[in-house]
N, C-alpha and C. Protein backbone atom coordinates (compact mmCIF):
# COMPACT_ATOMS: atom_id res chain seq x y z
N UNK A 1 16.26 13.08 -8.85
CA UNK A 1 15.14 12.85 -9.74
C UNK A 1 14.61 14.23 -10.19
N UNK A 2 14.15 14.28 -11.42
CA UNK A 2 13.63 15.53 -11.99
C UNK A 2 12.15 15.37 -12.38
N UNK A 3 11.45 16.50 -12.36
CA UNK A 3 10.04 16.54 -12.77
C UNK A 3 9.94 16.11 -14.22
N UNK A 4 9.03 15.18 -14.51
CA UNK A 4 8.88 14.71 -15.88
C UNK A 4 8.18 15.75 -16.76
N UNK A 5 7.55 16.75 -16.15
CA UNK A 5 6.86 17.77 -16.94
C UNK A 5 7.73 18.99 -17.23
N UNK A 6 8.44 19.50 -16.20
CA UNK A 6 9.20 20.75 -16.39
C UNK A 6 10.71 20.60 -16.20
N UNK A 7 11.17 19.48 -15.66
CA UNK A 7 12.60 19.25 -15.49
C UNK A 7 13.20 19.74 -14.20
N UNK A 8 12.39 20.35 -13.32
CA UNK A 8 12.88 20.85 -12.03
C UNK A 8 13.36 19.69 -11.15
N UNK A 9 14.44 19.94 -10.39
CA UNK A 9 14.93 18.95 -9.43
C UNK A 9 13.86 18.76 -8.36
N UNK A 10 13.52 17.51 -8.06
CA UNK A 10 12.44 17.22 -7.12
C UNK A 10 12.93 17.12 -5.68
N UNK A 11 12.07 17.53 -4.77
CA UNK A 11 12.31 17.38 -3.33
C UNK A 11 11.48 16.21 -2.83
N UNK A 12 11.68 15.83 -1.60
CA UNK A 12 10.89 14.77 -0.98
C UNK A 12 9.41 15.18 -0.97
N UNK A 13 9.15 16.49 -0.86
CA UNK A 13 7.77 16.98 -0.86
C UNK A 13 7.12 16.78 -2.22
N UNK A 14 7.86 17.10 -3.28
CA UNK A 14 7.34 16.92 -4.64
C UNK A 14 7.00 15.45 -4.88
N UNK A 15 7.95 14.59 -4.56
CA UNK A 15 7.74 13.16 -4.78
C UNK A 15 6.58 12.64 -3.94
N UNK A 16 6.52 13.06 -2.68
CA UNK A 16 5.44 12.60 -1.80
C UNK A 16 4.07 13.02 -2.29
N UNK A 17 3.95 14.28 -2.72
CA UNK A 17 2.66 14.78 -3.19
C UNK A 17 2.23 14.04 -4.45
N UNK A 18 3.14 13.85 -5.38
CA UNK A 18 2.82 13.12 -6.61
C UNK A 18 2.39 11.69 -6.28
N UNK A 19 3.16 11.04 -5.43
CA UNK A 19 2.84 9.64 -5.10
C UNK A 19 1.53 9.52 -4.33
N UNK A 20 1.23 10.50 -3.51
CA UNK A 20 -0.03 10.47 -2.75
C UNK A 20 -1.23 10.60 -3.70
N UNK A 21 -1.12 11.47 -4.70
CA UNK A 21 -2.26 11.72 -5.58
C UNK A 21 -2.32 10.80 -6.80
N UNK A 22 -1.17 10.32 -7.26
CA UNK A 22 -1.14 9.58 -8.52
C UNK A 22 -0.89 8.09 -8.32
N UNK A 23 0.27 7.75 -7.76
CA UNK A 23 0.64 6.34 -7.64
C UNK A 23 1.75 6.22 -6.61
N UNK A 24 1.46 5.58 -5.51
CA UNK A 24 2.43 5.47 -4.42
C UNK A 24 3.74 4.83 -4.86
N UNK A 25 3.71 3.98 -5.84
CA UNK A 25 4.90 3.28 -6.30
C UNK A 25 5.54 3.90 -7.54
N UNK A 26 5.19 5.14 -7.85
CA UNK A 26 5.70 5.78 -9.07
C UNK A 26 7.22 5.84 -9.09
N UNK A 27 7.79 5.54 -10.23
CA UNK A 27 9.24 5.62 -10.43
C UNK A 27 9.64 7.00 -10.93
N UNK A 28 8.72 7.68 -11.63
CA UNK A 28 8.94 9.04 -12.11
C UNK A 28 7.86 9.91 -11.51
N UNK A 29 8.19 11.17 -11.21
CA UNK A 29 7.25 12.07 -10.54
C UNK A 29 7.29 13.46 -11.15
N UNK A 30 6.31 14.26 -10.77
CA UNK A 30 6.26 15.68 -11.15
C UNK A 30 6.38 16.52 -9.89
N UNK A 31 6.81 17.77 -10.07
CA UNK A 31 6.93 18.69 -8.94
C UNK A 31 5.53 19.12 -8.46
N UNK A 32 5.47 19.75 -7.29
CA UNK A 32 4.20 20.20 -6.74
C UNK A 32 3.46 21.11 -7.71
N UNK A 33 4.10 22.15 -8.28
CA UNK A 33 3.35 23.02 -9.20
C UNK A 33 2.76 22.27 -10.40
N UNK A 34 3.51 21.35 -10.99
CA UNK A 34 3.02 20.61 -12.15
C UNK A 34 1.92 19.63 -11.75
N UNK A 35 2.07 18.95 -10.62
CA UNK A 35 1.04 18.03 -10.14
C UNK A 35 -0.23 18.80 -9.81
N UNK A 36 -0.08 19.92 -9.11
CA UNK A 36 -1.24 20.74 -8.75
C UNK A 36 -1.96 21.21 -10.01
N UNK A 37 -1.22 21.69 -10.99
CA UNK A 37 -1.83 22.17 -12.23
C UNK A 37 -2.60 21.06 -12.93
N UNK A 38 -2.03 19.87 -12.94
CA UNK A 38 -2.69 18.72 -13.58
C UNK A 38 -4.06 18.45 -12.95
N UNK A 39 -4.14 18.63 -11.63
CA UNK A 39 -5.40 18.37 -10.92
C UNK A 39 -6.25 19.62 -10.75
N UNK A 40 -5.84 20.74 -11.34
CA UNK A 40 -6.62 21.97 -11.24
C UNK A 40 -6.56 22.62 -9.87
N UNK A 41 -5.44 22.43 -9.16
CA UNK A 41 -5.26 22.99 -7.83
C UNK A 41 -4.28 24.15 -7.88
N UNK A 42 -4.41 25.07 -6.92
CA UNK A 42 -3.38 26.09 -6.75
C UNK A 42 -2.25 25.47 -5.95
N UNK A 43 -1.08 26.09 -6.01
CA UNK A 43 0.04 25.59 -5.19
C UNK A 43 -0.29 25.71 -3.71
N UNK A 44 -0.96 26.79 -3.32
CA UNK A 44 -1.32 26.96 -1.91
C UNK A 44 -2.25 25.84 -1.46
N UNK A 45 -3.22 25.47 -2.28
CA UNK A 45 -4.13 24.37 -1.94
C UNK A 45 -3.33 23.07 -1.81
N UNK A 46 -2.37 22.87 -2.70
CA UNK A 46 -1.53 21.66 -2.64
C UNK A 46 -0.77 21.62 -1.32
N UNK A 47 -0.23 22.76 -0.90
CA UNK A 47 0.53 22.81 0.36
C UNK A 47 -0.38 22.61 1.57
N UNK A 48 -1.60 23.11 1.49
CA UNK A 48 -2.59 22.86 2.55
C UNK A 48 -2.87 21.37 2.64
N UNK A 49 -3.00 20.72 1.49
CA UNK A 49 -3.23 19.28 1.47
C UNK A 49 -2.06 18.53 2.11
N UNK A 50 -0.82 18.95 1.79
CA UNK A 50 0.36 18.32 2.36
C UNK A 50 0.34 18.46 3.88
N UNK A 51 0.02 19.64 4.39
CA UNK A 51 -0.05 19.84 5.85
C UNK A 51 -1.09 18.91 6.46
N UNK A 52 -2.22 18.75 5.79
CA UNK A 52 -3.27 17.86 6.30
C UNK A 52 -2.79 16.41 6.28
N UNK A 53 -2.12 16.01 5.20
CA UNK A 53 -1.59 14.65 5.12
C UNK A 53 -0.59 14.39 6.25
N UNK A 54 0.26 15.39 6.52
CA UNK A 54 1.24 15.26 7.61
C UNK A 54 0.54 15.05 8.94
N UNK A 55 -0.48 15.88 9.21
CA UNK A 55 -1.19 15.79 10.49
C UNK A 55 -1.85 14.45 10.69
N UNK A 56 -2.23 13.80 9.60
CA UNK A 56 -2.87 12.49 9.72
C UNK A 56 -1.85 11.36 9.74
N UNK A 57 -0.55 11.72 9.68
CA UNK A 57 0.50 10.71 9.82
C UNK A 57 0.96 10.07 8.53
N UNK A 58 0.66 10.65 7.39
CA UNK A 58 1.10 10.08 6.12
C UNK A 58 2.63 10.00 6.09
N UNK A 59 3.15 8.82 5.81
CA UNK A 59 4.59 8.60 5.83
C UNK A 59 5.30 9.08 4.58
N UNK A 60 4.57 9.60 3.60
CA UNK A 60 5.20 10.13 2.39
C UNK A 60 5.83 11.50 2.60
N UNK A 61 5.51 12.14 3.73
CA UNK A 61 6.00 13.49 4.00
C UNK A 61 6.74 13.53 5.32
N UNK A 62 7.86 14.28 5.37
CA UNK A 62 8.56 14.45 6.64
C UNK A 62 7.66 15.12 7.66
N UNK A 63 7.91 14.89 8.91
CA UNK A 63 7.13 15.54 9.96
C UNK A 63 7.39 17.03 9.97
N UNK A 64 6.37 17.82 10.34
CA UNK A 64 6.61 19.27 10.47
C UNK A 64 7.73 19.48 11.48
N UNK A 65 8.45 20.53 11.43
CA UNK A 65 8.25 21.79 10.74
C UNK A 65 9.01 21.92 9.43
N UNK A 66 9.38 20.87 8.75
CA UNK A 66 10.12 21.01 7.49
C UNK A 66 9.25 21.69 6.42
N UNK A 67 9.91 22.26 5.43
CA UNK A 67 9.23 23.03 4.38
C UNK A 67 9.38 22.34 3.04
N UNK A 68 8.32 22.34 2.21
CA UNK A 68 8.41 21.66 0.92
C UNK A 68 9.34 22.36 -0.07
N UNK A 69 9.69 23.61 0.17
CA UNK A 69 10.59 24.31 -0.75
C UNK A 69 12.05 23.99 -0.45
N UNK A 70 12.43 23.96 0.83
CA UNK A 70 13.85 23.77 1.12
C UNK A 70 14.13 22.72 2.20
N UNK A 71 13.07 22.12 2.75
CA UNK A 71 13.25 21.05 3.69
C UNK A 71 13.68 21.46 5.09
N UNK A 72 13.70 22.78 5.40
CA UNK A 72 14.22 23.17 6.70
C UNK A 72 13.30 24.09 7.50
N UNK A 73 12.31 24.71 6.88
CA UNK A 73 11.44 25.61 7.60
C UNK A 73 10.01 25.13 7.54
N UNK A 74 9.13 25.85 8.19
CA UNK A 74 7.72 25.45 8.25
C UNK A 74 7.06 25.42 6.88
N UNK A 75 6.10 24.55 6.74
CA UNK A 75 5.33 24.42 5.50
C UNK A 75 4.39 25.56 5.34
């Protein structure tokens, strides 16, 4: 799946963040930078939000220590 705004290939993190903020059942999504920009957030604030969502058990995001950029390192 690709970002509907910029065309970037999406990760599970991108899709999860978009679905958490916009529509859990979305068929099309935007990447973290585009979603953050739409809501007036910095990318760092978006990643802080993702970490908080993870800690509260949100199932849209893999459990830590995966990374939203490459899926293998800490967020």
